[in-house]
PDB file of N, CA and C in Angstrom:
ATOM      1  N   MET A   1     -37.336  53.988 -24.945  1.00  0.00           N
ATOM      2  CA  MET A   1     -36.864  55.349 -25.014  1.00  0.00           C
ATOM      3  C   MET A   1     -38.169  56.312 -24.631  1.00  0.00           C
ATOM      4  N   VAL A   2     -37.760  57.307 -23.927  1.00  0.00           N
ATOM      5  CA  VAL A   2     -38.960  58.290 -23.305  1.00  0.00           C
ATOM      6  C   VAL A   2     -38.236  59.677 -23.724  1.00  0.00           C
ATOM      7  N   SER A   3     -39.211  60.529 -23.787  1.00  0.00           N
ATOM      8  CA  SER A   3     -39.022  61.913 -24.134  1.00  0.00           C
ATOM      9  C   SER A   3     -39.969  62.938 -23.496  1.00  0.00           C
ATOM     10  N   LYS A   4     -39.520  64.136 -23.323  1.00  0.00           N
ATOM     11  CA  LYS A   4     -40.609  65.069 -22.677  1.00  0.00           C
ATOM     12  C   LYS A   4     -40.022  66.403 -23.074  1.00  0.00           C
ATOM     13  N   GLU A   5     -41.146  67.166 -23.632  1.00  0.00           N
ATOM     14  CA  GLU A   5     -40.924  68.464 -23.942  1.00  0.00           C
ATOM     15  C   GLU A   5     -40.998  69.512 -22.749  1.00  0.00           C
ATOM     16  N   VAL A   6     -39.931  70.500 -22.721  1.00  0.00           N
ATOM     17  CA  VAL A   6     -40.062  71.261 -21.489  1.00  0.00           C
ATOM     18  C   VAL A   6     -39.849  72.835 -22.021  1.00  0.00           C
ATOM     19  N   VAL A   7     -40.188  73.794 -21.351  1.00  0.00           N
ATOM     20  CA  VAL A   7     -39.951  75.125 -21.604  1.00  0.00           C
ATOM     21  C   VAL A   7     -38.751  75.545 -20.506  1.00  0.00           C
ATOM     22  N   VAL A   8     -37.595  75.944 -21.106  1.00  0.00           N
ATOM     23  CA  VAL A   8     -36.765  76.247 -20.222  1.00  0.00           C
ATOM     24  C   VAL A   8     -37.083  77.508 -19.356  1.00  0.00           C
ATOM     25  N   GLN A   9     -37.122  77.422 -17.888  1.00  0.00           N
ATOM     26  CA  GLN A   9     -37.259  78.576 -17.091  1.00  0.00           C
ATOM     27  C   GLN A   9     -36.072  79.299 -16.551  1.00  0.00           C
ATOM     28  N   ASN A  10     -35.017  78.770 -16.468  1.00  0.00           N
ATOM     29  CA  ASN A  10     -33.828  79.346 -15.892  1.00  0.00           C
ATOM     30  C   ASN A  10     -33.684  80.720 -16.776  1.00  0.00           C
ATOM     31  N   GLN A  11     -33.289  81.849 -15.835  1.00  0.00           N
ATOM     32  CA  GLN A  11     -33.133  83.209 -16.361  1.00  0.00           C
ATOM     33  C   GLN A  11     -32.251  83.186 -17.427  1.00  0.00           C
ATOM     34  N   VAL A  12     -31.265  82.598 -17.461  1.00  0.00           N
ATOM     35  CA  VAL A  12     -30.263  82.678 -18.457  1.00  0.00           C
ATOM     36  C   VAL A  12     -30.213  81.364 -19.498  1.00  0.00           C
ATOM     37  N   GLY A  13     -31.151  80.504 -19.527  1.00  0.00           N
ATOM     38  CA  GLY A  13     -31.262  79.531 -20.263  1.00  0.00           C
ATOM     39  C   GLY A  13     -30.401  78.458 -19.975  1.00  0.00           C
ATOM     40  N   LEU A  14     -29.854  77.841 -20.855  1.00  0.00           N
ATOM     41  CA  LEU A  14     -28.882  76.806 -20.690  1.00  0.00           C
ATOM     42  C   LEU A  14     -27.293  77.247 -21.067  1.00  0.00           C
ATOM     43  N   HIS A  15     -26.856  78.230 -20.563  1.00  0.00           N
ATOM     44  CA  HIS A  15     -25.699  78.656 -20.881  1.00  0.00           C
ATOM     45  C   HIS A  15     -24.569  78.729 -19.732  1.00  0.00           C
ATOM     46  N   ALA A  16     -23.295  78.569 -19.847  1.00  0.00           N
ATOM     47  CA  ALA A  16     -22.320  78.373 -18.770  1.00  0.00           C
ATOM     48  C   ALA A  16     -22.797  77.657 -17.622  1.00  0.00           C
ATOM     49  N   ARG A  17     -22.920  78.261 -16.644  1.00  0.00           N
ATOM     50  CA  ARG A  17     -23.099  77.689 -15.250  1.00  0.00           C
ATOM     51  C   ARG A  17     -24.218  76.528 -15.146  1.00  0.00           C
ATOM     52  N   PRO A  18     -25.619  77.021 -15.814  1.00  0.00           N
ATOM     53  CA  PRO A  18     -26.631  76.290 -15.840  1.00  0.00           C
ATOM     54  C   PRO A  18     -26.340  75.045 -16.541  1.00  0.00           C
ATOM     55  N   ALA A  19     -25.669  75.158 -17.638  1.00  0.00           N
ATOM     56  CA  ALA A  19     -25.281  73.931 -18.816  1.00  0.00           C
ATOM     57  C   ALA A  19     -24.441  73.174 -17.991  1.00  0.00           C
ATOM     58  N   THR A  20     -23.542  73.518 -17.275  1.00  0.00           N
ATOM     59  CA  THR A  20     -22.640  72.874 -16.424  1.00  0.00           C
ATOM     60  C   THR A  20     -23.453  72.046 -15.648  1.00  0.00           C
ATOM     61  N   PHE A  21     -24.252  72.378 -14.653  1.00  0.00           N
ATOM     62  CA  PHE A  21     -25.165  71.846 -13.729  1.00  0.00           C
ATOM     63  C   PHE A  21     -26.052  70.718 -14.598  1.00  0.00           C
ATOM     64  N   PHE A  22     -26.615  71.078 -15.569  1.00  0.00           N
ATOM     65  CA  PHE A  22     -27.226  70.012 -16.490  1.00  0.00           C
ATOM     66  C   PHE A  22     -26.562  68.805 -16.916  1.00  0.00           C
ATOM     67  N   ILE A  23     -25.418  69.190 -17.430  1.00  0.00           N
ATOM     68  CA  ILE A  23     -24.422  68.051 -17.905  1.00  0.00           C
ATOM     69  C   ILE A  23     -24.016  67.212 -16.834  1.00  0.00           C
ATOM     70  N   GLN A  24     -23.781  67.732 -15.634  1.00  0.00           N
ATOM     71  CA  GLN A  24     -23.222  66.814 -14.433  1.00  0.00           C
ATOM     72  C   GLN A  24     -24.400  66.189 -14.016  1.00  0.00           C
ATOM     73  N   LYS A  25     -25.600  66.515 -14.000  1.00  0.00           N
ATOM     74  CA  LYS A  25     -26.786  65.639 -13.816  1.00  0.00           C
ATOM     75  C   LYS A  25     -26.818  64.551 -14.776  1.00  0.00           C
ATOM     76  N   SER A  26     -26.655  64.915 -16.114  1.00  0.00           N
ATOM     77  CA  SER A  26     -26.962  64.124 -17.033  1.00  0.00           C
ATOM     78  C   SER A  26     -25.988  62.890 -16.924  1.00  0.00           C
ATOM     79  N   ASN A  27     -24.710  63.153 -16.533  1.00  0.00           N
ATOM     80  CA  ASN A  27     -23.854  62.225 -16.230  1.00  0.00           C
ATOM     81  C   ASN A  27     -23.967  61.454 -15.116  1.00  0.00           C
ATOM     82  N   GLU A  28     -25.017  61.592 -14.392  1.00  0.00           N
ATOM     83  CA  GLU A  28     -25.243  60.685 -13.312  1.00  0.00           C
ATOM     84  C   GLU A  28     -26.048  59.472 -13.415  1.00  0.00           C
ATOM     85  N   PHE A  29     -26.369  59.501 -14.771  1.00  0.00           N
ATOM     86  CA  PHE A  29     -27.273  58.338 -15.369  1.00  0.00           C
ATOM     87  C   PHE A  29     -26.621  57.606 -16.289  1.00  0.00           C
ATOM     88  N   LYS A  30     -27.100  56.375 -16.545  1.00  0.00           N
ATOM     89  CA  LYS A  30     -26.290  55.417 -17.240  1.00  0.00           C
ATOM     90  C   LYS A  30     -26.831  55.550 -18.878  1.00  0.00           C
ATOM     91  N   SER A  31     -28.426  56.086 -18.863  1.00  0.00           N
ATOM     92  CA  SER A  31     -28.968  56.052 -20.183  1.00  0.00           C
ATOM     93  C   SER A  31     -28.508  56.962 -20.978  1.00  0.00           C
ATOM     94  N   GLY A  32     -28.356  56.772 -22.110  1.00  0.00           N
ATOM     95  CA  GLY A  32     -28.054  57.924 -23.407  1.00  0.00           C
ATOM     96  C   GLY A  32     -29.077  59.026 -23.259  1.00  0.00           C
ATOM     97  N   ILE A  33     -28.609  60.299 -23.154  1.00  0.00           N
ATOM     98  CA  ILE A  33     -29.547  61.418 -23.115  1.00  0.00           C
ATOM     99  C   ILE A  33     -29.215  62.378 -24.111  1.00  0.00           C
ATOM    100  N   TRP A  34     -30.297  62.919 -24.787  1.00  0.00           N
ATOM    101  CA  TRP A  34     -30.122  63.887 -25.751  1.00  0.00           C
ATOM    102  C   TRP A  34     -30.913  65.161 -25.441  1.00  0.00           C
ATOM    103  N   VAL A  35     -30.582  66.317 -26.179  1.00  0.00           N
ATOM    104  CA  VAL A  35     -31.527  67.529 -26.097  1.00  0.00           C
ATOM    105  C   VAL A  35     -31.708  67.726 -27.384  1.00  0.00           C
ATOM    106  N   GLU A  36     -33.204  68.058 -27.931  1.00  0.00           N
ATOM    107  CA  GLU A  36     -33.356  68.654 -29.069  1.00  0.00           C
ATOM    108  C   GLU A  36     -34.047  69.840 -29.278  1.00  0.00           C
ATOM    109  N   LYS A  37     -33.547  70.391 -30.106  1.00  0.00           N
ATOM    110  CA  LYS A  37     -34.297  71.951 -30.500  1.00  0.00           C
ATOM    111  C   LYS A  37     -34.386  72.246 -31.806  1.00  0.00           C
ATOM    112  N   ASN A  38     -35.496  72.663 -32.126  1.00  0.00           N
ATOM    113  CA  ASN A  38     -35.766  72.735 -33.816  1.00  0.00           C
ATOM    114  C   ASN A  38     -35.286  71.741 -34.492  1.00  0.00           C
ATOM    115  N   GLY A  39     -35.432  70.553 -34.403  1.00  0.00           N
ATOM    116  CA  GLY A  39     -34.786  69.475 -35.059  1.00  0.00           C
ATOM    117  C   GLY A  39     -33.410  68.996 -34.960  1.00  0.00           C
ATOM    118  N   ARG A  40     -32.691  69.698 -34.370  1.00  0.00           N
ATOM    119  CA  ARG A  40     -31.229  69.532 -33.999  1.00  0.00           C
ATOM    120  C   ARG A  40     -31.062  68.734 -32.766  1.00  0.00           C
ATOM    121  N   ARG A  41     -30.347  67.584 -32.617  1.00  0.00           N
ATOM    122  CA  ARG A  41     -30.248  66.832 -31.261  1.00  0.00           C
ATOM    123  C   ARG A  41     -28.826  66.609 -31.035  1.00  0.00           C
ATOM    124  N   VAL A  42     -28.427  67.019 -29.780  1.00  0.00           N
ATOM    125  CA  VAL A  42     -27.125  66.972 -29.390  1.00  0.00           C
ATOM    126  C   VAL A  42     -27.046  65.923 -28.042  1.00  0.00           C
ATOM    127  N   ASN A  43     -25.792  65.715 -27.800  1.00  0.00           N
ATOM    128  CA  ASN A  43     -25.589  64.640 -26.596  1.00  0.00           C
ATOM    129  C   ASN A  43     -25.789  65.660 -25.378  1.00  0.00           C
ATOM    130  N   ALA A  44     -26.777  65.303 -24.519  1.00  0.00           N
ATOM    131  CA  ALA A  44     -26.808  65.897 -23.228  1.00  0.00           C
ATOM    132  C   ALA A  44     -25.751  65.995 -22.096  1.00  0.00           C
ATOM    133  N   LYS A  45     -24.800  65.064 -22.467  1.00  0.00           N
ATOM    134  CA  LYS A  45     -23.584  64.951 -21.727  1.00  0.00           C
ATOM    135  C   LYS A  45     -22.417  65.511 -22.368  1.00  0.00           C
ATOM    136  N   SER A  46     -22.617  66.362 -23.159  1.00  0.00           N
ATOM    137  CA  SER A  46     -21.692  67.235 -23.949  1.00  0.00           C
ATOM    138  C   SER A  46     -21.672  68.604 -23.685  1.00  0.00           C
ATOM    139  N   LEU A  47     -20.735  69.501 -23.121  1.00  0.00           N
ATOM    140  CA  LEU A  47     -21.180  70.749 -22.767  1.00  0.00           C
ATOM    141  C   LEU A  47     -21.068  71.604 -24.117  1.00  0.00           C
ATOM    142  N   LEU A  48     -20.165  71.301 -25.092  1.00  0.00           N
ATOM    143  CA  LEU A  48     -20.152  72.057 -26.306  1.00  0.00           C
ATOM    144  C   LEU A  48     -21.624  71.618 -27.034  1.00  0.00           C
ATOM    145  N   GLY A  49     -21.875  70.529 -27.008  1.00  0.00           N
ATOM    146  CA  GLY A  49     -23.146  70.079 -27.694  1.00  0.00           C
ATOM    147  C   GLY A  49     -24.353  71.070 -27.241  1.00  0.00           C
ATOM    148  N   VAL A  50     -24.570  71.217 -26.008  1.00  0.00           N
ATOM    149  CA  VAL A  50     -25.582  71.766 -25.430  1.00  0.00           C
ATOM    150  C   VAL A  50     -25.599  73.238 -25.597  1.00  0.00           C
ATOM    151  N   LEU A  51     -24.116  73.941 -25.459  1.00  0.00           N
ATOM    152  CA  LEU A  51     -24.256  75.261 -25.588  1.00  0.00           C
ATOM    153  C   LEU A  51     -24.315  75.565 -27.028  1.00  0.00           C
ATOM    154  N   SER A  52     -24.024  74.670 -27.982  1.00  0.00           N
ATOM    155  CA  SER A  52     -24.296  75.092 -29.411  1.00  0.00           C
ATOM    156  C   SER A  52     -25.640  75.218 -29.854  1.00  0.00           C
ATOM    157  N   LEU A  53     -26.626  74.614 -28.920  1.00  0.00           N
ATOM    158  CA  LEU A  53     -28.010  74.881 -29.367  1.00  0.00           C
ATOM    159  C   LEU A  53     -28.612  76.378 -28.895  1.00  0.00           C
ATOM    160  N   GLY A  54     -27.762  77.137 -28.166  1.00  0.00           N
ATOM    161  CA  GLY A  54     -28.130  78.401 -27.746  1.00  0.00           C
ATOM    162  C   GLY A  54     -29.458  78.442 -27.010  1.00  0.00           C
ATOM    163  N   ILE A  55     -29.728  77.693 -26.167  1.00  0.00           N
ATOM    164  CA  ILE A  55     -30.880  77.636 -25.554  1.00  0.00           C
ATOM    165  C   ILE A  55     -31.133  78.948 -24.538  1.00  0.00           C
ATOM    166  N   THR A  56     -32.452  79.753 -24.526  1.00  0.00           N
ATOM    167  CA  THR A  56     -32.429  80.775 -23.686  1.00  0.00           C
ATOM    168  C   THR A  56     -33.718  80.577 -22.997  1.00  0.00           C
ATOM    169  N   LYS A  57     -34.034  81.263 -22.256  1.00  0.00           N
ATOM    170  CA  LYS A  57     -35.306  81.351 -21.181  1.00  0.00           C
ATOM    171  C   LYS A  57     -36.466  81.376 -22.244  1.00  0.00           C
ATOM    172  N   GLY A  58     -37.406  80.318 -21.921  1.00  0.00           N
ATOM    173  CA  GLY A  58     -38.645  80.293 -22.751  1.00  0.00           C
ATOM    174  C   GLY A  58     -38.665  79.539 -23.925  1.00  0.00           C
ATOM    175  N   THR A  59     -37.332  78.982 -24.283  1.00  0.00           N
ATOM    176  CA  THR A  59     -37.175  78.038 -25.411  1.00  0.00           C
ATOM    177  C   THR A  59     -37.858  76.418 -25.152  1.00  0.00           C
ATOM    178  N   LYS A  60     -38.514  76.055 -26.079  1.00  0.00           N
ATOM    179  CA  LYS A  60     -39.168  74.794 -25.978  1.00  0.00           C
ATOM    180  C   LYS A  60     -38.218  73.684 -26.417  1.00  0.00           C
ATOM    181  N   ILE A  61     -37.850  72.718 -25.557  1.00  0.00           N
ATOM    182  CA  ILE A  61     -36.769  71.706 -26.165  1.00  0.00           C
ATOM    183  C   ILE A  61     -37.511  70.389 -25.534  1.00  0.00           C
ATOM    184  N   THR A  62     -36.982  69.277 -26.210  1.00  0.00           N
ATOM    185  CA  THR A  62     -37.161  67.902 -25.959  1.00  0.00           C
ATOM    186  C   THR A  62     -35.933  67.299 -25.345  1.00  0.00           C
ATOM    187  N   VAL A  63     -36.417  66.882 -24.162  1.00  0.00           N
ATOM    188  CA  VAL A  63     -35.078  65.795 -23.466  1.00  0.00           C
ATOM    189  C   VAL A  63     -35.494  64.295 -23.544  1.00  0.00           C
ATOM    190  N   ILE A  64     -34.564  63.776 -24.174  1.00  0.00           N
ATOM    191  CA  ILE A  64     -34.846  62.115 -24.552  1.00  0.00           C
ATOM    192  C   ILE A  64     -33.727  61.451 -23.962  1.00  0.00           C
ATOM    193  N   ALA A  65     -34.326  60.320 -23.339  1.00  0.00           N
ATOM    194  CA  ALA A  65     -33.332  59.482 -22.527  1.00  0.00           C
ATOM    195  C   ALA A  65     -33.745  57.855 -23.243  1.00  0.00           C
ATOM    196  N   ASP A  66     -32.736  57.144 -23.288  1.00  0.00           N
ATOM    197  CA  ASP A  66     -32.801  55.905 -23.560  1.00  0.00           C
ATOM    198  C   ASP A  66     -31.907  54.740 -22.971  1.00  0.00           C
ATOM    199  N   GLY A  67     -32.482  54.007 -22.051  1.00  0.00           N
ATOM    200  CA  GLY A  67     -31.781  52.950 -21.161  1.00  0.00           C
ATOM    201  C   GLY A  67     -32.541  52.595 -20.059  1.00  0.00           C
ATOM    202  N   THR A  68     -31.575  52.086 -19.066  1.00  0.00           N
ATOM    203  CA  THR A  68     -32.060  51.439 -17.838  1.00  0.00           C
ATOM    204  C   THR A  68     -32.928  52.306 -16.736  1.00  0.00           C
ATOM    205  N   ASP A  69     -32.257  53.474 -16.854  1.00  0.00           N
ATOM    206  CA  ASP A  69     -32.837  54.553 -15.848  1.00  0.00           C
ATOM    207  C   ASP A  69     -33.358  55.816 -16.534  1.00  0.00           C
ATOM    208  N   GLU A  70     -33.958  55.493 -17.859  1.00  0.00           N
ATOM    209  CA  GLU A  70     -34.555  56.697 -18.683  1.00  0.00           C
ATOM    210  C   GLU A  70     -35.489  57.419 -18.062  1.00  0.00           C
ATOM    211  N   GLU A  71     -36.567  56.835 -17.247  1.00  0.00           N
ATOM    212  CA  GLU A  71     -37.620  57.533 -16.722  1.00  0.00           C
ATOM    213  C   GLU A  71     -36.948  58.451 -15.555  1.00  0.00           C
ATOM    214  N   ASP A  72     -36.041  58.183 -14.642  1.00  0.00           N
ATOM    215  CA  ASP A  72     -35.637  58.761 -13.670  1.00  0.00           C
ATOM    216  C   ASP A  72     -34.663  59.986 -14.240  1.00  0.00           C
ATOM    217  N   ALA A  73     -34.025  59.733 -15.337  1.00  0.00           N
ATOM    218  CA  ALA A  73     -33.082  60.704 -16.054  1.00  0.00           C
ATOM    219  C   ALA A  73     -34.225  61.909 -16.605  1.00  0.00           C
ATOM    220  N   ILE A  74     -35.213  61.636 -17.307  1.00  0.00           N
ATOM    221  CA  ILE A  74     -36.167  62.547 -17.906  1.00  0.00           C
ATOM    222  C   ILE A  74     -36.632  63.487 -16.534  1.00  0.00           C
ATOM    223  N   GLU A  75     -37.264  62.883 -15.661  1.00  0.00           N
ATOM    224  CA  GLU A  75     -37.850  63.552 -14.724  1.00  0.00           C
ATOM    225  C   GLU A  75     -36.657  64.531 -13.832  1.00  0.00           C
ATOM    226  N   ALA A  76     -35.670  63.870 -13.509  1.00  0.00           N
ATOM    227  CA  ALA A  76     -34.754  64.739 -13.044  1.00  0.00           C
ATOM    228  C   ALA A  76     -34.267  66.128 -13.698  1.00  0.00           C
ATOM    229  N   LEU A  77     -34.036  65.519 -14.934  1.00  0.00           N
ATOM    230  CA  LEU A  77     -33.276  66.848 -15.909  1.00  0.00           C
ATOM    231  C   LEU A  77     -34.525  67.719 -16.358  1.00  0.00           C
ATOM    232  N   SER A  78     -35.791  67.247 -16.559  1.00  0.00           N
ATOM    233  CA  SER A  78     -36.738  68.313 -16.870  1.00  0.00           C
ATOM    234  C   SER A  78     -37.227  69.272 -15.596  1.00  0.00           C
ATOM    235  N   GLY A  79     -37.077  68.606 -14.536  1.00  0.00           N
ATOM    236  CA  GLY A  79     -37.389  69.371 -13.293  1.00  0.00           C
ATOM    237  C   GLY A  79     -36.231  70.374 -13.000  1.00  0.00           C
ATOM    238  N   LEU A  80     -35.043  69.879 -13.571  1.00  0.00           N
ATOM    239  CA  LEU A  80     -33.788  71.070 -13.317  1.00  0.00           C
ATOM    240  C   LEU A  80     -33.949  72.323 -14.194  1.00  0.00           C
ATOM    241  N   ILE A  81     -34.581  72.124 -15.161  1.00  0.00           N
ATOM    242  CA  ILE A  81     -34.563  73.040 -16.342  1.00  0.00           C
ATOM    243  C   ILE A  81     -35.678  73.954 -16.678  1.00  0.00           C
ATOM    244  N   GLY A  82     -36.782  73.189 -16.466  1.00  0.00           N
ATOM    245  CA  GLY A  82     -38.009  74.024 -16.740  1.00  0.00           C
ATOM    246  C   GLY A  82     -39.198  73.237 -16.324  1.00  0.00           C
ATOM    247  N   VAL A  83     -40.213  73.881 -16.933  1.00  0.00           N
ATOM    248  CA  VAL A  83     -41.733  73.209 -16.709  1.00  0.00           C
ATOM    249  C   VAL A  83     -42.151  72.224 -17.843  1.00  0.00           C
ATOM    250  N   GLY A  84     -42.736  71.343 -17.812  1.00  0.00           N
ATOM    251  CA  GLY A  84     -43.078  70.493 -18.914  1.00  0.00           C
ATOM    252  C   GLY A  84     -44.371  71.123 -19.546  1.00  0.00           C
ATOM    253  N   VAL A  85     -44.280  70.814 -20.878  1.00  0.00           N
ATOM    254  CA  VAL A  85     -45.506  71.509 -21.785  1.00  0.00           C
ATOM    255  C   VAL A  85     -46.752  71.232 -21.115  1.00  0.00           C
ATOM    256  N   ASP A  86     -47.013  69.993 -20.800  1.00  0.00           N
ATOM    257  CA  ASP A  86     -48.157  69.590 -20.375  1.00  0.00           C
ATOM    258  C   ASP A  86     -48.464  70.052 -19.062  1.00  0.00           C
ATOM    259  N   ASP A  87     -47.460  70.680 -18.384  1.00  0.00           N
ATOM    260  CA  ASP A  87     -47.602  71.233 -17.041  1.00  0.00           C
ATOM    261  C   ASP A  87     -48.152  72.766 -16.938  1.00  0.00           C
ATOM    262  N   GLU A  88     -48.048  73.074 -17.996  1.00  0.00           N
ATOM    263  CA  GLU A  88     -48.203  74.661 -18.232  1.00  0.00           C
ATOM    264  C   GLU A  88     -49.588  75.064 -17.720  1.00  0.00           C
TER     265      GLU A  88
END
């Protein structure tokens, strides 16, 4: 299992269209993928789950992946939505 904290840089956060792109990208991987915000974790392959977190620009989230392609999933998804906390 790997995880990475990122700060969401998308202008509207993970709402509507950006969330859809994020979920589509998540579904390209075999690994289980989750998004965590303020201790609440949801499946990154679920539109309702991701939208329920109310992620806006500047929000710090953790992307978590567990499976055979977990490293690739973390890099692709964190690159899609933001800047890694250690990259700031």
